[in-house]
Amino acid sequence: MENYPGYILASHIPSRNKVIQFTEGLIDYLFPVVEDAKEFLKKHDSVQLYLKKQLFDILKPISKQHDIDVMEITSRYFDSLEEIKDTLIKDANLILEFDPAAYSLEEVILSYPGFSAIIVHRLSHELYKLKVPLIPRMMSEWAHSKTGIDINPGATIDSPFFIDHGTGLVIGETTVIGKNVKIYQGVTLGALAVKKEDAQSKRHPTIEDNVVIYAGSTILGGNTVIGHDSIIGGNTWITESILPFSIVYHKDQTTVKDRKDFNEPINFII
């Protein structure tokens, strides 16, 4: 086991506050709220230049320990932002289309925690693909603390993607999610076992296109595939693959009786 000296050298890691500021700046850059559109367009290039400098400064400490080209990563990352924004707009439109409580695209973008978590995931996942250590996880854990939604930056999520409510949602590192997937709160897409030796293997499930996963469901295992166009009911436990066009549900029984005729004792343990 590697020796831990009891401290972390600041010169070897990026500042957590700087990573958060950079992430917030990126979100404002992609979805700005402005008083004057013409004035914003004039400042667009200078804002991008400032964000590039922020990323460069964040990457520099890491480059001392890891073999990464800071200039190349910064350039490639900002080249990808326009495509990321287009993808996010598709995500927002799916939420608007299917959530009866959503009345405008602006409402989804500015106030939906599920969409906020998707934004940060897509931004952190791009850095993950560029093999940048630590920073993607710092970004995703900041989003986790803000939204209650835990998406590992390694998860591969196609677009459009819809998280409704989302609190307690967990999506593991090697999860693969297809197009038009809708997921509700309390869902876990996890591994069957937590073993360090499995770190480089696919540990989390694959969710194919057009799947709906309702609240409280748990789907585990790297070999588990939820076939396209399936519906996974609430509070289900799945560790084996499901064929396309399936409906999976947990059957429970709720008994309703008239209180006037009910004589059995009810024991509550608190």
Foldseek 3Di string as FASTA:
>chain_A
DDDDPPDDDPLQAFDLVLLVVLLVLLLCLLPPDDPDPVVCVVCNVVSLVVSLVSQLVRQVSNVVPDVDDSVVLSVVLVVCSVVLSVQLLQQLVLCCVPPPVDDDSVCSSPPFLFSVLVSLLSSLLSVVVSVRPDSSQSSNVVSCVVQLAHERSQEAEGPDEEEHSAHLHHHDNLEYEEYQEYEYYQEYFEFPDDDPVCVPPQGTEYEYAQEYEYHNEYETGRQEYEAYNEYEDHNHYYDHHDHHPYYHDDDDDDDDDDPVPDDDDDDDDD
